[in-house]
């Protein structure tokens, strides 16, 4: 009797863990800029690869104002920030951006190093 009472909660826990690790856990998989509506002001997350051979704009203190990034389909987009971000992101291969599209530019409010 005791074993059968533990079986159902254990199965529910296993299902919750599978859902979390397959859908909600952070991943390094690149996203698509095409999923963003260019007229929307809603911030969304996307993983992108930094294009290191294109121009990187910096302010007077060395903070990064903009750089180029590419998505899963190798679509390159200029990423700009409202406030300068640290140069540490240039050492990353993949970053997560939080922001929205304006025409062919991505306006990011936050950047997080993934890989």
PDB file of N, CA and C in Angstrom:
ATOM      1  N   UNK A   1       0.815  -1.192   0.000  1.00  0.00           N
ATOM      2  CA  UNK A   1       0.000   0.000   0.000  1.00  0.00           C
ATOM      3  C   UNK A   1       0.861   1.260   0.000  1.00  0.00           C
ATOM      4  N   UNK A   2       1.929   1.279   0.812  1.00  0.00           N
ATOM      5  CA  UNK A   2       2.790   2.454   0.871  1.00  0.00           C
ATOM      6  C   UNK A   2       3.478   2.715  -0.467  1.00  0.00           C
ATOM      7  N   UNK A   3       3.906   1.664  -1.116  1.00  0.00           N
ATOM      8  CA  UNK A   3       4.597   1.803  -2.396  1.00  0.00           C
ATOM      9  C   UNK A   3       3.698   2.431  -3.457  1.00  0.00           C
ATOM     10  N   UNK A   4       2.447   2.081  -3.475  1.00  0.00           N
ATOM     11  CA  UNK A   4       1.522   2.643  -4.469  1.00  0.00           C
ATOM     12  C   UNK A   4       1.232   4.115  -4.194  1.00  0.00           C
ATOM     13  N   UNK A   5       1.318   4.549  -2.947  1.00  0.00           N
ATOM     14  CA  UNK A   5       1.107   5.962  -2.620  1.00  0.00           C
ATOM     15  C   UNK A   5       2.290   6.816  -3.076  1.00  0.00           C
ATOM     16  N   UNK A   6       3.451   6.253  -3.144  1.00  0.00           N
ATOM     17  CA  UNK A   6       4.638   6.992  -3.574  1.00  0.00           C
ATOM     18  C   UNK A   6       4.801   7.001  -5.088  1.00  0.00           C
ATOM     19  N   UNK A   7       4.212   6.042  -5.757  1.00  0.00           N
ATOM     20  CA  UNK A   7       4.388   5.911  -7.201  1.00  0.00           C
ATOM     21  C   UNK A   7       3.829   7.111  -7.969  1.00  0.00           C
ATOM     22  N   UNK A   8       2.614   7.520  -7.681  1.00  0.00           N
ATOM     23  CA  UNK A   8       1.984   8.628  -8.405  1.00  0.00           C
ATOM     24  C   UNK A   8       2.742   9.948  -8.212  1.00  0.00           C
ATOM     25  N   UNK A   9       3.089  10.350  -6.974  1.00  0.00           N
ATOM     26  CA  UNK A   9       3.876  11.590  -6.830  1.00  0.00           C
ATOM     27  C   UNK A   9       5.239  11.512  -7.522  1.00  0.00           C
ATOM     28  N   UNK A  10       5.855  10.337  -7.497  1.00  0.00           N
ATOM     29  CA  UNK A  10       7.146  10.182  -8.171  1.00  0.00           C
ATOM     30  C   UNK A  10       6.999  10.347  -9.677  1.00  0.00           C
ATOM     31  N   UNK A  11       5.950   9.800 -10.248  1.00  0.00           N
ATOM     32  CA  UNK A  11       5.712   9.935 -11.695  1.00  0.00           C
ATOM     33  C   UNK A  11       5.420  11.385 -12.075  1.00  0.00           C
ATOM     34  N   UNK A  12       4.655  12.088 -11.249  1.00  0.00           N
ATOM     35  CA  UNK A  12       4.362  13.503 -11.505  1.00  0.00           C
ATOM     36  C   UNK A  12       5.658  14.309 -11.473  1.00  0.00           C
ATOM     37  N   UNK A  13       6.515  14.036 -10.518  1.00  0.00           N
ATOM     38  CA  UNK A  13       7.795  14.729 -10.420  1.00  0.00           C
ATOM     39  C   UNK A  13       8.667  14.465 -11.646  1.00  0.00           C
ATOM     40  N   UNK A  14       8.707  13.243 -12.102  1.00  0.00           N
ATOM     41  CA  UNK A  14       9.487  12.893 -13.296  1.00  0.00           C
ATOM     42  C   UNK A  14       8.961  13.638 -14.519  1.00  0.00           C
ATOM     43  N   UNK A  15       7.653  13.700 -14.680  1.00  0.00           N
ATOM     44  CA  UNK A  15       7.059  14.411 -15.820  1.00  0.00           C
ATOM     45  C   UNK A  15       7.387  15.899 -15.753  1.00  0.00           C
ATOM     46  N   UNK A  16       7.300  16.498 -14.570  1.00  0.00           N
ATOM     47  CA  UNK A  16       7.630  17.919 -14.410  1.00  0.00           C
ATOM     48  C   UNK A  16       9.092  18.169 -14.759  1.00  0.00           C
ATOM     49  N   UNK A  17       9.991  17.310 -14.313  1.00  0.00           N
ATOM     50  CA  UNK A  17      11.414  17.471 -14.627  1.00  0.00           C
ATOM     51  C   UNK A  17      11.681  17.336 -16.124  1.00  0.00           C
ATOM     52  N   UNK A  18      11.024  16.401 -16.773  1.00  0.00           N
ATOM     53  CA  UNK A  18      11.197  16.235 -18.224  1.00  0.00           C
ATOM     54  C   UNK A  18      10.718  17.479 -18.962  1.00  0.00           C
ATOM     55  N   UNK A  19       9.574  18.003 -18.568  1.00  0.00           N
ATOM     56  CA  UNK A  19       9.054  19.224 -19.208  1.00  0.00           C
ATOM     57  C   UNK A  19      10.008  20.386 -18.980  1.00  0.00           C
ATOM     58  N   UNK A  20      10.506  20.545 -17.759  1.00  0.00           N
ATOM     59  CA  UNK A  20      11.416  21.652 -17.470  1.00  0.00           C
ATOM     60  C   UNK A  20      12.689  21.560 -18.313  1.00  0.00           C
ATOM     61  N   UNK A  21      13.335  20.413 -18.310  1.00  0.00           N
ATOM     62  CA  UNK A  21      14.611  20.291 -19.006  1.00  0.00           C
ATOM     63  C   UNK A  21      14.472  20.292 -20.521  1.00  0.00           C
ATOM     64  N   UNK A  22      13.317  19.966 -21.044  1.00  0.00           N
ATOM     65  CA  UNK A  22      13.176  19.979 -22.500  1.00  0.00           C
ATOM     66  C   UNK A  22      12.610  21.291 -23.035  1.00  0.00           C
ATOM     67  N   UNK A  23      11.902  22.057 -22.231  1.00  0.00           N
ATOM     68  CA  UNK A  23      11.283  23.283 -22.735  1.00  0.00           C
ATOM     69  C   UNK A  23      11.801  24.560 -22.088  1.00  0.00           C
ATOM     70  N   UNK A  24      12.069  24.542 -20.785  1.00  0.00           N
ATOM     71  CA  UNK A  24      12.361  25.776 -20.071  1.00  0.00           C
ATOM     72  C   UNK A  24      13.825  25.968 -19.700  1.00  0.00           C
ATOM     73  N   UNK A  25      14.608  24.947 -19.716  1.00  0.00           N
ATOM     74  CA  UNK A  25      16.014  25.073 -19.345  1.00  0.00           C
ATOM     75  C   UNK A  25      16.755  25.878 -20.404  1.00  0.00           C
ATOM     76  N   UNK A  26      17.687  26.732 -19.980  1.00  0.00           N
ATOM     77  CA  UNK A  26      18.450  27.519 -20.950  1.00  0.00           C
ATOM     78  C   UNK A  26      19.250  26.620 -21.883  1.00  0.00           C
ATOM     79  N   UNK A  27      19.351  27.038 -23.138  1.00  0.00           N
ATOM     80  CA  UNK A  27      20.143  26.266 -24.091  1.00  0.00           C
ATOM     81  C   UNK A  27      20.990  27.222 -24.920  1.00  0.00           C
ATOM     82  N   UNK A  28      21.969  26.670 -25.602  1.00  0.00           N
ATOM     83  CA  UNK A  28      22.846  27.475 -26.451  1.00  0.00           C
ATOM     84  C   UNK A  28      22.388  27.455 -27.903  1.00  0.00           C
ATOM     85  N   UNK A  29      21.219  26.904 -28.176  1.00  0.00           N
ATOM     86  CA  UNK A  29      20.712  26.845 -29.549  1.00  0.00           C
ATOM     87  C   UNK A  29      20.357  28.249 -30.033  1.00  0.00           C
ATOM     88  N   UNK A  30      20.795  28.568 -31.248  1.00  0.00           N
ATOM     89  CA  UNK A  30      20.537  29.891 -31.805  1.00  0.00           C
ATOM     90  C   UNK A  30      19.073  30.044 -32.184  1.00  0.00           C
ATOM     91  N   UNK A  31      18.575  31.273 -32.045  1.00  0.00           N
ATOM     92  CA  UNK A  31      17.196  31.584 -32.413  1.00  0.00           C
ATOM     93  C   UNK A  31      17.118  32.174 -33.806  1.00  0.00           C
ATOM     94  N   UNK A  32      15.943  32.695 -34.154  1.00  0.00           N
ATOM     95  CA  UNK A  32      15.695  33.273 -35.475  1.00  0.00           C
ATOM     96  C   UNK A  32      15.191  34.706 -35.345  1.00  0.00           C
ATOM     97  N   UNK A  33      15.850  35.631 -36.053  1.00  0.00           N
ATOM     98  CA  UNK A  33      15.376  37.011 -36.068  1.00  0.00           C
ATOM     99  C   UNK A  33      14.038  37.120 -36.796  1.00  0.00           C
ATOM    100  N   UNK A  34      13.746  36.183 -37.681  1.00  0.00           N
ATOM    101  CA  UNK A  34      12.502  36.238 -38.453  1.00  0.00           C
ATOM    102  C   UNK A  34      11.265  36.054 -37.571  1.00  0.00           C
ATOM    103  N   UNK A  35      11.434  35.576 -36.359  1.00  0.00           N
ATOM    104  CA  UNK A  35      10.296  35.412 -35.451  1.00  0.00           C
ATOM    105  C   UNK A  35       9.882  36.727 -34.799  1.00  0.00           C
ATOM    106  N   UNK A  36      10.688  37.776 -34.981  1.00  0.00           N
ATOM    107  CA  UNK A  36      10.401  39.070 -34.380  1.00  0.00           C
ATOM    108  C   UNK A  36       9.633  39.942 -35.360  1.00  0.00           C
ATOM    109  N   UNK A  37       8.616  40.614 -34.867  1.00  0.00           N
ATOM    110  CA  UNK A  37       7.871  41.578 -35.674  1.00  0.00           C
ATOM    111  C   UNK A  37       8.600  42.914 -35.589  1.00  0.00           C
ATOM    112  N   UNK A  38       8.899  43.537 -36.738  1.00  0.00           N
ATOM    113  CA  UNK A  38       9.696  44.766 -36.730  1.00  0.00           C
ATOM    114  C   UNK A  38       8.941  45.951 -36.148  1.00  0.00           C
ATOM    115  N   UNK A  39       7.631  45.897 -36.057  1.00  0.00           N
ATOM    116  CA  UNK A  39       6.868  47.010 -35.513  1.00  0.00           C
ATOM    117  C   UNK A  39       6.538  46.859 -34.045  1.00  0.00           C
ATOM    118  N   UNK A  40       6.893  45.743 -33.451  1.00  0.00           N
ATOM    119  CA  UNK A  40       6.525  45.460 -32.065  1.00  0.00           C
ATOM    120  C   UNK A  40       7.550  46.035 -31.096  1.00  0.00           C
ATOM    121  N   UNK A  41       7.070  46.541 -29.977  1.00  0.00           N
ATOM    122  CA  UNK A  41       7.943  47.061 -28.919  1.00  0.00           C
ATOM    123  C   UNK A  41       8.081  46.054 -27.774  1.00  0.00           C
ATOM    124  N   UNK A  42       7.565  44.849 -27.966  1.00  0.00           N
ATOM    125  CA  UNK A  42       7.609  43.832 -26.913  1.00  0.00           C
ATOM    126  C   UNK A  42       8.986  43.180 -26.901  1.00  0.00           C
ATOM    127  N   UNK A  43       9.644  43.214 -25.744  1.00  0.00           N
ATOM    128  CA  UNK A  43      10.957  42.594 -25.608  1.00  0.00           C
ATOM    129  C   UNK A  43      10.825  41.079 -25.555  1.00  0.00           C
ATOM    130  N   UNK A  44      11.693  40.410 -26.323  1.00  0.00           N
ATOM    131  CA  UNK A  44      11.742  38.953 -26.361  1.00  0.00           C
ATOM    132  C   UNK A  44      13.197  38.514 -26.282  1.00  0.00           C
ATOM    133  N   UNK A  45      13.401  37.246 -25.922  1.00  0.00           N
ATOM    134  CA  UNK A  45      14.757  36.695 -25.823  1.00  0.00           C
ATOM    135  C   UNK A  45      15.122  35.970 -27.103  1.00  0.00           C
ATOM    136  N   UNK A  46      16.422  36.044 -27.444  1.00  0.00           N
ATOM    137  CA  UNK A  46      16.948  35.300 -28.583  1.00  0.00           C
ATOM    138  C   UNK A  46      18.426  35.023 -28.334  1.00  0.00           C
ATOM    139  N   UNK A  47      18.869  33.814 -28.667  1.00  0.00           N
ATOM    140  CA  UNK A  47      20.289  33.466 -28.622  1.00  0.00           C
ATOM    141  C   UNK A  47      20.889  33.726 -29.993  1.00  0.00           C
ATOM    142  N   UNK A  48      22.027  34.427 -30.019  1.00  0.00           N
ATOM    143  CA  UNK A  48      22.688  34.768 -31.276  1.00  0.00           C
ATOM    144  C   UNK A  48      24.193  34.566 -31.148  1.00  0.00           C
ATOM    145  N   UNK A  49      24.837  34.495 -32.295  1.00  0.00           N
ATOM    146  CA  UNK A  49      26.294  34.396 -32.358  1.00  0.00           C
ATOM    147  C   UNK A  49      26.845  35.775 -32.701  1.00  0.00           C
ATOM    148  N   UNK A  50      27.898  36.189 -32.016  1.00  0.00           N
ATOM    149  CA  UNK A  50      28.505  37.495 -32.276  1.00  0.00           C
ATOM    150  C   UNK A  50      29.360  37.407 -33.533  1.00  0.00           C
ATOM    151  N   UNK A  51      29.182  38.373 -34.442  1.00  0.00           N
ATOM    152  CA  UNK A  51      29.998  38.463 -35.658  1.00  0.00           C
ATOM    153  C   UNK A  51      31.191  39.349 -35.308  1.00  0.00           C
ATOM    154  N   UNK A  52      32.354  38.734 -35.170  1.00  0.00           N
ATOM    155  CA  UNK A  52      33.521  39.461 -34.668  1.00  0.00           C
ATOM    156  C   UNK A  52      34.301  40.188 -35.751  1.00  0.00           C
ATOM    157  N   UNK A  53      34.029  39.893 -37.023  1.00  0.00           N
ATOM    158  CA  UNK A  53      34.788  40.545 -38.095  1.00  0.00           C
ATOM    159  C   UNK A  53      34.080  41.784 -38.645  1.00  0.00           C
ATOM    160  N   UNK A  54      33.003  42.219 -38.005  1.00  0.00           N
ATOM    161  CA  UNK A  54      32.313  43.449 -38.408  1.00  0.00           C
ATOM    162  C   UNK A  54      32.544  44.518 -37.353  1.00  0.00           C
ATOM    163  N   UNK A  55      32.261  45.757 -37.734  1.00  0.00           N
ATOM    164  CA  UNK A  55      32.531  46.912 -36.877  1.00  0.00           C
ATOM    165  C   UNK A  55      31.765  46.834 -35.556  1.00  0.00           C
ATOM    166  N   UNK A  56      32.490  47.133 -34.470  1.00  0.00           N
ATOM    167  CA  UNK A  56      31.912  47.205 -33.134  1.00  0.00           C
ATOM    168  C   UNK A  56      32.032  48.653 -32.682  1.00  0.00           C
ATOM    169  N   UNK A  57      30.907  49.295 -32.395  1.00  0.00           N
ATOM    170  CA  UNK A  57      30.919  50.695 -31.962  1.00  0.00           C
ATOM    171  C   UNK A  57      31.087  50.758 -30.452  1.00  0.00           C
ATOM    172  N   UNK A  58      32.010  51.639 -30.015  1.00  0.00           N
ATOM    173  CA  UNK A  58      32.277  51.811 -28.585  1.00  0.00           C
ATOM    174  C   UNK A  58      32.145  53.279 -28.216  1.00  0.00           C
ATOM    175  N   UNK A  59      31.880  53.527 -26.932  1.00  0.00           N
ATOM    176  CA  UNK A  59      31.850  54.907 -26.456  1.00  0.00           C
ATOM    177  C   UNK A  59      33.251  55.307 -25.999  1.00  0.00           C
ATOM    178  N   UNK A  60      33.384  56.501 -25.416  1.00  0.00           N
ATOM    179  CA  UNK A  60      34.695  57.017 -25.010  1.00  0.00           C
ATOM    180  C   UNK A  60      35.346  56.194 -23.901  1.00  0.00           C
ATOM    181  N   UNK A  61      34.547  55.515 -23.095  1.00  0.00           N
ATOM    182  CA  UNK A  61      35.099  54.728 -21.992  1.00  0.00           C
ATOM    183  C   UNK A  61      35.380  53.282 -22.386  1.00  0.00           C
ATOM    184  N   UNK A  62      35.104  52.914 -23.626  1.00  0.00           N
ATOM    185  CA  UNK A  62      35.350  51.554 -24.094  1.00  0.00           C
ATOM    186  C   UNK A  62      34.144  50.644 -24.000  1.00  0.00           C
ATOM    187  N   UNK A  63      33.030  51.160 -23.498  1.00  0.00           N
ATOM    188  CA  UNK A  63      31.800  50.364 -23.433  1.00  0.00           C
ATOM    189  C   UNK A  63      31.235  50.143 -24.825  1.00  0.00           C
ATOM    190  N   UNK A  64      30.648  49.006 -25.045  1.00  0.00           N
ATOM    191  CA  UNK A  64      30.129  48.657 -26.370  1.00  0.00           C
ATOM    192  C   UNK A  64      28.726  49.233 -26.544  1.00  0.00           C
ATOM    193  N   UNK A  65      28.537  49.959 -27.650  1.00  0.00           N
ATOM    194  CA  UNK A  65      27.234  50.530 -27.984  1.00  0.00           C
ATOM    195  C   UNK A  65      26.487  49.680 -29.001  1.00  0.00           C
ATOM    196  N   UNK A  66      27.232  49.022 -29.903  1.00  0.00           N
ATOM    197  CA  UNK A  66      26.581  48.154 -30.890  1.00  0.00           C
ATOM    198  C   UNK A  66      27.583  47.159 -31.465  1.00  0.00           C
ATOM    199  N   UNK A  67      27.047  46.055 -31.957  1.00  0.00           N
ATOM    200  CA  UNK A  67      27.835  45.043 -32.655  1.00  0.00           C
ATOM    201  C   UNK A  67      26.893  44.300 -33.587  1.00  0.00           C
ATOM    202  N   UNK A  68      27.440  43.410 -34.397  1.00  0.00           N
ATOM    203  CA  UNK A  68      26.625  42.610 -35.310  1.00  0.00           C
ATOM    204  C   UNK A  68      26.508  41.193 -34.774  1.00  0.00           C
ATOM    205  N   UNK A  69      25.333  40.607 -34.980  1.00  0.00           N
ATOM    206  CA  UNK A  69      25.068  39.239 -34.533  1.00  0.00           C
ATOM    207  C   UNK A  69      24.360  38.491 -35.647  1.00  0.00           C
ATOM    208  N   UNK A  70      24.498  37.157 -35.624  1.00  0.00           N
ATOM    209  CA  UNK A  70      23.787  36.352 -36.624  1.00  0.00           C
ATOM    210  C   UNK A  70      22.999  35.254 -35.934  1.00  0.00           C
ATOM    211  N   UNK A  71      21.900  34.867 -36.589  1.00  0.00           N
ATOM    212  CA  UNK A  71      21.012  33.855 -36.034  1.00  0.00           C
ATOM    213  C   UNK A  71      21.272  32.492 -36.657  1.00  0.00           C
ATOM    214  N   UNK A  72      20.356  31.574 -36.455  1.00  0.00           N
ATOM    215  CA  UNK A  72      20.484  30.199 -36.944  1.00  0.00           C
ATOM    216  C   UNK A  72      20.588  30.128 -38.464  1.00  0.00           C
ATOM    217  N   UNK A  73      19.924  31.052 -39.166  1.00  0.00           N
ATOM    218  CA  UNK A  73      19.943  31.076 -40.634  1.00  0.00           C
ATOM    219  C   UNK A  73      21.032  31.987 -41.195  1.00  0.00           C
ATOM    220  N   UNK A  74      21.997  32.369 -40.372  1.00  0.00           N
ATOM    221  CA  UNK A  74      23.097  33.264 -40.739  1.00  0.00           C
ATOM    222  C   UNK A  74      22.620  34.645 -41.175  1.00  0.00           C
ATOM    223  N   UNK A  75      21.465  35.082 -40.696  1.00  0.00           N
ATOM    224  CA  UNK A  75      20.976  36.436 -40.947  1.00  0.00           C
ATOM    225  C   UNK A  75      21.696  37.363 -39.976  1.00  0.00           C
ATOM    226  N   UNK A  76      22.405  38.365 -40.520  1.00  0.00           N
ATOM    227  CA  UNK A  76      23.153  39.297 -39.684  1.00  0.00           C
ATOM    228  C   UNK A  76      22.331  40.549 -39.428  1.00  0.00           C
ATOM    229  N   UNK A  77      22.353  40.987 -38.170  1.00  0.00           N
ATOM    230  CA  UNK A  77      21.593  42.151 -37.737  1.00  0.00           C
ATOM    231  C   UNK A  77      22.477  42.980 -36.815  1.00  0.00           C
ATOM    232  N   UNK A  78      22.352  44.302 -36.918  1.00  0.00           N
ATOM    233  CA  UNK A  78      23.073  45.186 -36.009  1.00  0.00           C
ATOM    234  C   UNK A  78      22.320  45.224 -34.683  1.00  0.00           C
ATOM    235  N   UNK A  79      23.044  44.979 -33.587  1.00  0.00           N
ATOM    236  CA  UNK A  79      22.471  44.996 -32.244  1.00  0.00           C
ATOM    237  C   UNK A  79      22.965  46.254 -31.551  1.00  0.00           C
ATOM    238  N   UNK A  80      22.038  47.086 -31.081  1.00  0.00           N
ATOM    239  CA  UNK A  80      22.427  48.310 -30.380  1.00  0.00           C
ATOM    240  C   UNK A  80      21.833  48.318 -28.978  1.00  0.00           C
ATOM    241  N   UNK A  81      22.501  49.046 -28.089  1.00  0.00           N
ATOM    242  CA  UNK A  81      22.113  49.112 -26.681  1.00  0.00           C
ATOM    243  C   UNK A  81      21.801  50.544 -26.296  1.00  0.00           C
ATOM    244  N   UNK A  82      20.908  50.710 -25.317  1.00  0.00           N
ATOM    245  CA  UNK A  82      20.601  52.041 -24.797  1.00  0.00           C
ATOM    246  C   UNK A  82      21.745  52.537 -23.920  1.00  0.00           C
ATOM    247  N   UNK A  83      22.336  51.638 -23.166  1.00  0.00           N
ATOM    248  CA  UNK A  83      23.470  51.931 -22.292  1.00  0.00           C
ATOM    249  C   UNK A  83      24.645  51.054 -22.721  1.00  0.00           C
ATOM    250  N   UNK A  84      25.870  51.572 -22.628  1.00  0.00           N
ATOM    251  CA  UNK A  84      27.032  50.756 -23.018  1.00  0.00           C
ATOM    252  C   UNK A  84      27.133  49.477 -22.180  1.00  0.00           C
ATOM    253  N   UNK A  85      27.585  48.397 -22.815  1.00  0.00           N
ATOM    254  CA  UNK A  85      27.792  47.130 -22.114  1.00  0.00           C
ATOM    255  C   UNK A  85      29.281  46.802 -22.087  1.00  0.00           C
ATOM    256  N   UNK A  86      29.658  45.910 -21.197  1.00  0.00           N
ATOM    257  CA  UNK A  86      31.052  45.546 -20.978  1.00  0.00           C
ATOM    258  C   UNK A  86      31.661  44.851 -22.196  1.00  0.00           C
ATOM    259  N   UNK A  87      32.971  45.040 -22.355  1.00  0.00           N
ATOM    260  CA  UNK A  87      33.702  44.394 -23.449  1.00  0.00           C
ATOM    261  C   UNK A  87      33.794  42.882 -23.281  1.00  0.00           C
ATOM    262  N   UNK A  88      33.449  42.375 -22.117  1.00  0.00           N
ATOM    263  CA  UNK A  88      33.524  40.936 -21.851  1.00  0.00           C
ATOM    264  C   UNK A  88      32.678  40.124 -22.824  1.00  0.00           C
ATOM    265  N   UNK A  89      31.622  40.717 -23.366  1.00  0.00           N
ATOM    266  CA  UNK A  89      30.765  39.955 -24.277  1.00  0.00           C
ATOM    267  C   UNK A  89      31.477  39.611 -25.578  1.00  0.00           C
ATOM    268  N   UNK A  90      32.544  40.332 -25.903  1.00  0.00           N
ATOM    269  CA  UNK A  90      33.278  40.045 -27.140  1.00  0.00           C
ATOM    270  C   UNK A  90      34.038  38.728 -27.064  1.00  0.00           C
ATOM    271  N   UNK A  91      34.274  38.226 -25.865  1.00  0.00           N
ATOM    272  CA  UNK A  91      34.942  36.934 -25.697  1.00  0.00           C
ATOM    273  C   UNK A  91      33.963  35.772 -25.822  1.00  0.00           C
ATOM    274  N   UNK A  92      32.679  36.076 -25.873  1.00  0.00           N
ATOM    275  CA  UNK A  92      31.651  35.031 -25.944  1.00  0.00           C
ATOM    276  C   UNK A  92      31.416  34.609 -27.384  1.00  0.00           C
ATOM    277  N   UNK A  93      30.976  33.378 -27.547  1.00  0.00           N
ATOM    278  CA  UNK A  93      30.558  32.887 -28.861  1.00  0.00           C
ATOM    279  C   UNK A  93      29.066  33.129 -29.053  1.00  0.00           C
ATOM    280  N   UNK A  94      28.298  32.779 -28.023  1.00  0.00           N
ATOM    281  CA  UNK A  94      26.839  32.901 -28.086  1.00  0.00           C
ATOM    282  C   UNK A  94      26.360  33.734 -26.903  1.00  0.00           C
ATOM    283  N   UNK A  95      25.469  34.685 -27.187  1.00  0.00           N
ATOM    284  CA  UNK A  95      24.876  35.511 -26.143  1.00  0.00           C
ATOM    285  C   UNK A  95      23.355  35.468 -26.258  1.00  0.00           C
ATOM    286  N   UNK A  96      22.700  35.706 -25.145  1.00  0.00           N
ATOM    287  CA  UNK A  96      21.241  35.834 -25.142  1.00  0.00           C
ATOM    288  C   UNK A  96      20.911  37.317 -25.080  1.00  0.00           C
ATOM    289  N   UNK A  97      20.094  37.776 -26.011  1.00  0.00           N
ATOM    290  CA  UNK A  97      19.668  39.167 -26.052  1.00  0.00           C
ATOM    291  C   UNK A  97      18.220  39.260 -25.615  1.00  0.00           C
ATOM    292  N   UNK A  98      17.896  40.325 -24.909  1.00  0.00           N
ATOM    293  CA  UNK A  98      16.512  40.650 -24.584  1.00  0.00           C
ATOM    294  C   UNK A  98      16.234  41.992 -25.230  1.00  0.00           C
ATOM    295  N   UNK A  99      15.295  42.014 -26.168  1.00  0.00           N
ATOM    296  CA  UNK A  99      15.000  43.257 -26.865  1.00  0.00           C
ATOM    297  C   UNK A  99      13.977  43.059 -27.958  1.00  0.00           C
ATOM    298  N   UNK A 100      13.962  44.004 -28.910  1.00  0.00           N
ATOM    299  CA  UNK A 100      12.983  43.956 -29.996  1.00  0.00           C
ATOM    300  C   UNK A 100      13.600  44.515 -31.276  1.00  0.00           C
ATOM    301  N   UNK A 101      12.943  44.238 -32.393  1.00  0.00           N
ATOM    302  CA  UNK A 101      13.430  44.668 -33.711  1.00  0.00           C
ATOM    303  C   UNK A 101      12.888  46.050 -34.066  1.00  0.00           C
ATOM    304  N   UNK A 102      13.745  46.858 -34.687  1.00  0.00           N
ATOM    305  CA  UNK A 102      13.377  48.117 -35.331  1.00  0.00           C
ATOM    306  C   UNK A 102      13.936  48.035 -36.743  1.00  0.00           C
ATOM    307  N   UNK A 103      13.092  47.770 -37.722  1.00  0.00           N
ATOM    308  CA  UNK A 103      13.523  47.553 -39.106  1.00  0.00           C
ATOM    309  C   UNK A 103      14.549  46.426 -39.138  1.00  0.00           C
ATOM    310  N   UNK A 104      15.807  46.721 -39.535  1.00  0.00           N
ATOM    311  CA  UNK A 104      16.851  45.689 -39.581  1.00  0.00           C
ATOM    312  C   UNK A 104      17.817  45.795 -38.409  1.00  0.00           C
ATOM    313  N   UNK A 105      17.423  46.494 -37.360  1.00  0.00           N
ATOM    314  CA  UNK A 105      18.249  46.637 -36.165  1.00  0.00           C
ATOM    315  C   UNK A 105      17.546  45.997 -34.976  1.00  0.00           C
ATOM    316  N   UNK A 106      18.349  45.403 -34.088  1.00  0.00           N
ATOM    317  CA  UNK A 106      17.809  44.815 -32.866  1.00  0.00           C
ATOM    318  C   UNK A 106      18.186  45.728 -31.715  1.00  0.00           C
ATOM    319  N   UNK A 107      17.204  46.254 -31.017  1.00  0.00           N
ATOM    320  CA  UNK A 107      17.429  47.127 -29.871  1.00  0.00           C
ATOM    321  C   UNK A 107      17.383  46.272 -28.607  1.00  0.00           C
ATOM    322  N   UNK A 108      18.542  46.100 -27.970  1.00  0.00           N
ATOM    323  CA  UNK A 108      18.649  45.197 -26.821  1.00  0.00           C
ATOM    324  C   UNK A 108      18.673  45.977 -25.515  1.00  0.00           C
ATOM    325  N   UNK A 109      17.923  45.486 -24.548  1.00  0.00           N
ATOM    326  CA  UNK A 109      17.950  46.090 -23.222  1.00  0.00           C
ATOM    327  C   UNK A 109      18.852  45.300 -22.276  1.00  0.00           C
ATOM    328  N   UNK A 110      19.166  44.046 -22.654  1.00  0.00           N
ATOM    329  CA  UNK A 110      20.037  43.219 -21.819  1.00  0.00           C
ATOM    330  C   UNK A 110      20.759  42.195 -22.677  1.00  0.00           C
ATOM    331  N   UNK A 111      21.990  41.877 -22.285  1.00  0.00           N
ATOM    332  CA  UNK A 111      22.759  40.829 -22.954  1.00  0.00           C
ATOM    333  C   UNK A 111      23.360  39.927 -21.878  1.00  0.00           C
ATOM    334  N   UNK A 112      23.288  38.606 -22.117  1.00  0.00           N
ATOM    335  CA  UNK A 112      23.821  37.624 -21.181  1.00  0.00           C
ATOM    336  C   UNK A 112      24.689  36.641 -21.959  1.00  0.00           C
ATOM    337  N   UNK A 113      25.888  36.381 -21.449  1.00  0.00           N
ATOM    338  CA  UNK A 113      26.786  35.426 -22.096  1.00  0.00           C
ATOM    339  C   UNK A 113      26.272  34.013 -21.833  1.00  0.00           C
ATOM    340  N   UNK A 114      26.114  33.242 -22.909  1.00  0.00           N
ATOM    341  CA  UNK A 114      25.666  31.849 -22.809  1.00  0.00           C
ATOM    342  C   UNK A 114      26.850  30.894 -22.938  1.00  0.00           C
ATOM    343  N   UNK A 115      27.712  31.175 -23.924  1.00  0.00           N
ATOM    344  CA  UNK A 115      28.843  30.265 -24.200  1.00  0.00           C
ATOM    345  C   UNK A 115      30.035  31.065 -24.661  1.00  0.00           C
TER     346      UNK A 115
END
